[in-house]
Amino acid sequence: MWITKEFLDTVGRRSPMARSSMVQAGDKLRINALINALISIGACEITREDIADLELEIKEKRFSFTPAPIKFVMLDNTTFSKFEPLMTPLDLEYSHMRNGVIGIREKRDA
């Protein structure tokens, strides 16, 4: 969300609408940073069937700036390499929406 000077002048800088917009704009930046961090660490598409087959534990993390908790499983490098890596923010968001969970690489090779 882009907050323009005209918008702030129109609604008033201290109005509830302006304050809410500022919070939403800040949250969007934090969400983008989280998505980019997950891609950098290593994220992959994994289904609930794969999780059941591998007997993995689904973890859940709630961030104050996300609308819903993020569900994920931690994968070692060997297991992680069996799945398709998510290379773009859009891929990560679609994968989480489609499967309700994402795989995250537990540790990078040294």
N, C-alpha and C. Protein backbone atom coordinates (compact mmCIF):
# COMPACT_ATOMS: atom_id res chain seq x y z
N MET A 1 0.85 -1.17 0.00
CA MET A 1 0.00 0.00 0.00
C MET A 1 0.89 1.24 0.00
N TRP A 2 0.64 2.10 -0.94
CA TRP A 2 1.39 3.35 -1.01
C TRP A 2 0.59 4.42 -0.30
N ILE A 3 1.22 5.10 0.62
CA ILE A 3 0.56 6.18 1.34
C ILE A 3 1.13 7.48 0.81
N THR A 4 0.28 8.27 0.21
CA THR A 4 0.74 9.52 -0.41
C THR A 4 0.49 10.70 0.53
N LYS A 5 1.19 11.77 0.26
CA LYS A 5 1.01 13.01 1.03
C LYS A 5 -0.42 13.51 0.88
N GLU A 6 -0.95 13.39 -0.34
CA GLU A 6 -2.34 13.84 -0.60
C GLU A 6 -3.32 13.05 0.28
N PHE A 7 -3.13 11.75 0.37
CA PHE A 7 -4.01 10.92 1.21
C PHE A 7 -3.93 11.38 2.66
N LEU A 8 -2.72 11.55 3.18
CA LEU A 8 -2.56 11.96 4.58
C LEU A 8 -3.15 13.34 4.83
N ASP A 9 -2.99 14.26 3.86
CA ASP A 9 -3.55 15.61 4.02
C ASP A 9 -5.08 15.57 3.97
N THR A 10 -5.63 14.67 3.16
CA THR A 10 -7.09 14.57 3.01
C THR A 10 -7.75 13.99 4.25
N VAL A 11 -7.23 12.87 4.76
CA VAL A 11 -7.86 12.22 5.92
C VAL A 11 -7.38 12.76 7.25
N GLY A 12 -6.29 13.47 7.23
CA GLY A 12 -5.71 13.98 8.48
C GLY A 12 -4.68 13.00 9.00
N ARG A 13 -3.49 13.49 9.28
CA ARG A 13 -2.38 12.63 9.65
C ARG A 13 -2.61 11.85 10.94
N ARG A 14 -3.44 12.35 11.81
CA ARG A 14 -3.67 11.66 13.09
C ARG A 14 -5.00 10.90 13.11
N SER A 15 -5.66 10.81 11.98
CA SER A 15 -6.95 10.11 11.93
C SER A 15 -6.75 8.61 12.06
N PRO A 16 -7.79 7.90 12.54
CA PRO A 16 -7.70 6.44 12.65
C PRO A 16 -7.41 5.77 11.30
N MET A 17 -7.97 6.31 10.22
CA MET A 17 -7.75 5.72 8.90
C MET A 17 -6.28 5.85 8.49
N ALA A 18 -5.69 7.01 8.74
CA ALA A 18 -4.28 7.21 8.40
C ALA A 18 -3.40 6.29 9.24
N ARG A 19 -3.69 6.18 10.52
CA ARG A 19 -2.89 5.31 11.39
C ARG A 19 -3.01 3.85 10.97
N SER A 20 -4.21 3.42 10.63
CA SER A 20 -4.42 2.04 10.19
C SER A 20 -3.66 1.77 8.89
N SER A 21 -3.67 2.73 7.99
CA SER A 21 -2.96 2.58 6.72
C SER A 21 -1.45 2.49 6.94
N MET A 22 -0.94 3.27 7.87
CA MET A 22 0.49 3.23 8.17
C MET A 22 0.88 1.86 8.73
N VAL A 23 0.05 1.30 9.59
CA VAL A 23 0.32 -0.02 10.17
C VAL A 23 0.30 -1.08 9.07
N GLN A 24 -0.71 -1.04 8.20
CA GLN A 24 -0.81 -2.01 7.12
C GLN A 24 0.38 -1.91 6.18
N ALA A 25 0.83 -0.71 5.89
CA ALA A 25 1.99 -0.54 5.01
C ALA A 25 3.23 -1.13 5.65
N GLY A 26 3.41 -0.92 6.94
CA GLY A 26 4.55 -1.49 7.66
C GLY A 26 4.48 -3.00 7.72
N ASP A 27 3.27 -3.55 7.91
CA ASP A 27 3.10 -5.00 7.96
C ASP A 27 3.46 -5.63 6.63
N LYS A 28 3.10 -4.98 5.55
CA LYS A 28 3.41 -5.53 4.22
C LYS A 28 4.92 -5.64 4.02
N LEU A 29 5.65 -4.65 4.48
CA LEU A 29 7.11 -4.70 4.38
C LEU A 29 7.68 -5.85 5.20
N ARG A 30 7.14 -6.08 6.39
CA ARG A 30 7.61 -7.17 7.24
C ARG A 30 7.26 -8.53 6.64
N ILE A 31 6.09 -8.64 6.04
CA ILE A 31 5.69 -9.89 5.39
C ILE A 31 6.62 -10.19 4.22
N ASN A 32 6.92 -9.18 3.42
CA ASN A 32 7.84 -9.36 2.30
C ASN A 32 9.23 -9.77 2.79
N ALA A 33 9.69 -9.19 3.88
CA ALA A 33 10.99 -9.55 4.43
C ALA A 33 10.99 -11.00 4.92
N LEU A 34 9.91 -11.43 5.56
CA LEU A 34 9.80 -12.81 6.02
C LEU A 34 9.83 -13.79 4.84
N ILE A 35 9.07 -13.49 3.81
CA ILE A 35 9.03 -14.35 2.61
C ILE A 35 10.41 -14.44 1.98
N ASN A 36 11.09 -13.32 1.84
CA ASN A 36 12.43 -13.32 1.25
C ASN A 36 13.42 -14.09 2.12
N ALA A 37 13.27 -14.00 3.43
CA ALA A 37 14.15 -14.75 4.33
C ALA A 37 13.93 -16.25 4.19
N LEU A 38 12.68 -16.67 4.09
CA LEU A 38 12.37 -18.09 3.92
C LEU A 38 12.93 -18.63 2.60
N ILE A 39 12.84 -17.84 1.55
CA ILE A 39 13.40 -18.25 0.26
C ILE A 39 14.91 -18.35 0.36
N SER A 40 15.52 -17.40 1.03
CA SER A 40 16.97 -17.39 1.20
C SER A 40 17.45 -18.60 2.01
N ILE A 41 16.75 -18.93 3.07
CA ILE A 41 17.10 -20.08 3.91
C ILE A 41 16.92 -21.36 3.13
N GLY A 42 15.84 -21.42 2.38
CA GLY A 42 15.50 -22.60 1.59
C GLY A 42 14.11 -23.08 1.95
N ALA A 43 13.19 -22.93 1.02
CA ALA A 43 11.81 -23.38 1.21
C ALA A 43 11.45 -24.28 0.04
N CYS A 44 10.59 -25.24 0.29
CA CYS A 44 10.18 -26.15 -0.78
C CYS A 44 8.70 -26.45 -0.64
N GLU A 45 8.13 -26.93 -1.76
CA GLU A 45 6.72 -27.32 -1.76
C GLU A 45 6.62 -28.75 -1.25
N ILE A 46 5.75 -28.93 -0.27
CA ILE A 46 5.55 -30.26 0.32
C ILE A 46 4.06 -30.40 0.60
N THR A 47 3.54 -31.60 0.39
CA THR A 47 2.12 -31.84 0.62
C THR A 47 1.91 -32.53 1.96
N ARG A 48 0.68 -32.53 2.39
CA ARG A 48 0.36 -33.20 3.66
C ARG A 48 0.59 -34.71 3.55
N GLU A 49 0.40 -35.27 2.35
CA GLU A 49 0.66 -36.70 2.14
C GLU A 49 2.14 -37.00 2.33
N ASP A 50 2.99 -36.13 1.78
CA ASP A 50 4.44 -36.30 1.96
C ASP A 50 4.82 -36.23 3.44
N ILE A 51 4.20 -35.32 4.14
CA ILE A 51 4.47 -35.14 5.56
C ILE A 51 4.07 -36.39 6.34
N ALA A 52 2.90 -36.94 6.00
CA ALA A 52 2.44 -38.16 6.67
C ALA A 52 3.36 -39.34 6.35
N ASP A 53 3.78 -39.46 5.07
CA ASP A 53 4.67 -40.55 4.66
C ASP A 53 6.02 -40.49 5.38
N LEU A 54 6.54 -39.27 5.54
CA LEU A 54 7.84 -39.09 6.19
C LEU A 54 7.74 -38.97 7.71
N GLU A 55 6.50 -38.99 8.22
CA GLU A 55 6.24 -38.85 9.65
C GLU A 55 6.90 -37.61 10.25
N LEU A 56 6.66 -36.48 9.59
CA LEU A 56 7.22 -35.21 10.04
C LEU A 56 6.22 -34.48 10.93
N GLU A 57 6.74 -33.61 11.76
CA GLU A 57 5.91 -32.81 12.66
C GLU A 57 5.65 -31.44 12.04
N ILE A 58 4.39 -31.09 11.95
CA ILE A 58 4.02 -29.77 11.44
C ILE A 58 4.12 -28.78 12.59
N LYS A 59 4.87 -27.71 12.34
CA LYS A 59 5.01 -26.65 13.34
C LYS A 59 4.22 -25.45 12.87
N GLU A 60 3.86 -24.61 13.80
CA GLU A 60 3.07 -23.43 13.49
C GLU A 60 3.68 -22.22 14.18
N LYS A 61 3.82 -21.13 13.45
CA LYS A 61 4.38 -19.90 14.02
C LYS A 61 3.46 -18.75 13.69
N ARG A 62 3.09 -18.02 14.71
CA ARG A 62 2.22 -16.86 14.54
C ARG A 62 3.08 -15.61 14.67
N PHE A 63 3.03 -14.76 13.65
CA PHE A 63 3.71 -13.46 13.69
C PHE A 63 2.65 -12.39 13.86
N SER A 64 2.97 -11.35 14.59
CA SER A 64 1.99 -10.29 14.84
C SER A 64 1.56 -9.57 13.57
N PHE A 65 2.38 -9.63 12.54
CA PHE A 65 2.08 -8.89 11.31
C PHE A 65 1.50 -9.76 10.20
N THR A 66 1.24 -11.04 10.46
CA THR A 66 0.65 -11.91 9.45
C THR A 66 -0.81 -12.16 9.79
N PRO A 67 -1.67 -12.27 8.78
CA PRO A 67 -3.09 -12.48 9.06
C PRO A 67 -3.40 -13.86 9.63
N ALA A 68 -2.55 -14.84 9.32
CA ALA A 68 -2.77 -16.21 9.81
C ALA A 68 -1.42 -16.82 10.17
N PRO A 69 -1.42 -17.86 11.00
CA PRO A 69 -0.16 -18.51 11.34
C PRO A 69 0.46 -19.20 10.12
N ILE A 70 1.76 -19.35 10.14
CA ILE A 70 2.46 -20.06 9.07
C ILE A 70 2.72 -21.48 9.55
N LYS A 71 2.32 -22.45 8.76
CA LYS A 71 2.55 -23.85 9.09
C LYS A 71 3.69 -24.36 8.23
N PHE A 72 4.63 -25.07 8.86
CA PHE A 72 5.81 -25.53 8.14
C PHE A 72 6.36 -26.79 8.77
N VAL A 73 7.24 -27.47 8.02
CA VAL A 73 7.99 -28.61 8.54
C VAL A 73 9.46 -28.33 8.28
N MET A 74 10.29 -28.75 9.21
CA MET A 74 11.74 -28.59 9.06
C MET A 74 12.29 -29.85 8.40
N LEU A 75 13.13 -29.65 7.37
CA LEU A 75 13.67 -30.78 6.60
C LEU A 75 15.19 -30.73 6.60
N ASP A 76 15.82 -31.89 6.78
CA ASP A 76 17.27 -31.93 6.64
C ASP A 76 17.63 -31.81 5.15
N ASN A 77 18.90 -31.61 4.85
CA ASN A 77 19.33 -31.37 3.47
C ASN A 77 18.96 -32.51 2.52
N THR A 78 19.09 -33.74 2.97
CA THR A 78 18.79 -34.89 2.12
C THR A 78 17.30 -34.92 1.77
N THR A 79 16.46 -34.76 2.75
CA THR A 79 15.02 -34.76 2.52
C THR A 79 14.61 -33.54 1.72
N PHE A 80 15.19 -32.38 2.04
CA PHE A 80 14.87 -31.14 1.34
C PHE A 80 15.14 -31.27 -0.16
N SER A 81 16.22 -31.95 -0.53
CA SER A 81 16.60 -32.05 -1.94
C SER A 81 15.62 -32.89 -2.76
N LYS A 82 14.75 -33.64 -2.12
CA LYS A 82 13.75 -34.47 -2.82
C LYS A 82 12.55 -33.66 -3.30
N PHE A 83 12.42 -32.45 -2.83
CA PHE A 83 11.25 -31.63 -3.15
C PHE A 83 11.65 -30.43 -4.01
N GLU A 84 10.65 -29.89 -4.70
CA GLU A 84 10.89 -28.73 -5.57
C GLU A 84 11.10 -27.48 -4.73
N PRO A 85 12.26 -26.82 -4.90
CA PRO A 85 12.50 -25.59 -4.13
C PRO A 85 11.61 -24.45 -4.62
N LEU A 86 11.25 -23.58 -3.70
CA LEU A 86 10.47 -22.39 -4.03
C LEU A 86 11.44 -21.23 -4.19
N MET A 87 11.49 -20.67 -5.38
CA MET A 87 12.50 -19.67 -5.69
C MET A 87 11.99 -18.24 -5.73
N THR A 88 10.68 -18.05 -5.77
CA THR A 88 10.13 -16.70 -5.83
C THR A 88 9.08 -16.51 -4.72
N PRO A 89 8.86 -15.28 -4.31
CA PRO A 89 7.83 -15.03 -3.30
C PRO A 89 6.45 -15.53 -3.72
N LEU A 90 6.13 -15.39 -4.98
CA LEU A 90 4.83 -15.84 -5.48
C LEU A 90 4.69 -17.35 -5.35
N ASP A 91 5.75 -18.09 -5.70
CA ASP A 91 5.74 -19.55 -5.56
C ASP A 91 5.50 -19.95 -4.10
N LEU A 92 6.16 -19.27 -3.19
CA LEU A 92 6.03 -19.59 -1.77
C LEU A 92 4.60 -19.35 -1.29
N GLU A 93 4.03 -18.22 -1.66
CA GLU A 93 2.67 -17.91 -1.23
C GLU A 93 1.66 -18.89 -1.81
N TYR A 94 1.80 -19.23 -3.09
CA TYR A 94 0.89 -20.19 -3.73
C TYR A 94 1.02 -21.57 -3.09
N SER A 95 2.24 -21.98 -2.82
CA SER A 95 2.46 -23.29 -2.22
C SER A 95 1.81 -23.36 -0.84
N HIS A 96 1.96 -22.31 -0.06
CA HIS A 96 1.37 -22.31 1.29
C HIS A 96 -0.15 -22.28 1.20
N MET A 97 -0.70 -21.55 0.24
CA MET A 97 -2.15 -21.52 0.08
C MET A 97 -2.67 -22.88 -0.40
N ARG A 98 -1.97 -23.48 -1.35
CA ARG A 98 -2.40 -24.74 -1.96
C ARG A 98 -2.31 -25.91 -0.96
N ASN A 99 -1.21 -26.01 -0.24
CA ASN A 99 -0.97 -27.16 0.63
C ASN A 99 -1.19 -26.87 2.12
N GLY A 100 -1.23 -25.60 2.48
CA GLY A 100 -1.41 -25.24 3.88
C GLY A 100 -0.15 -25.37 4.72
N VAL A 101 0.96 -25.73 4.07
CA VAL A 101 2.22 -25.94 4.78
C VAL A 101 3.37 -25.81 3.77
N ILE A 102 4.55 -25.42 4.26
CA ILE A 102 5.74 -25.38 3.41
C ILE A 102 6.86 -26.12 4.12
N GLY A 103 7.83 -26.57 3.35
CA GLY A 103 9.02 -27.18 3.91
C GLY A 103 10.12 -26.15 4.01
N ILE A 104 10.88 -26.19 5.10
CA ILE A 104 11.98 -25.25 5.30
C ILE A 104 13.24 -26.06 5.56
N ARG A 105 14.32 -25.69 4.87
CA ARG A 105 15.60 -26.37 5.07
C ARG A 105 16.09 -26.09 6.49
N GLU A 106 16.44 -27.17 7.17
CA GLU A 106 16.87 -27.04 8.57
C GLU A 106 18.27 -26.45 8.69
N LYS A 107 19.15 -26.87 7.81
CA LYS A 107 20.53 -26.41 7.91
C LYS A 107 21.17 -26.42 6.53
N ARG A 108 21.88 -25.38 6.21
CA ARG A 108 22.61 -25.32 4.94
C ARG A 108 23.90 -26.11 5.06
N ASP A 109 24.39 -26.59 3.89
CA ASP A 109 25.69 -27.25 3.88
C ASP A 109 26.77 -26.22 4.22
N ALA A 110 27.73 -26.63 4.99
CA ALA A 110 28.80 -25.71 5.40
C ALA A 110 29.85 -25.59 4.32
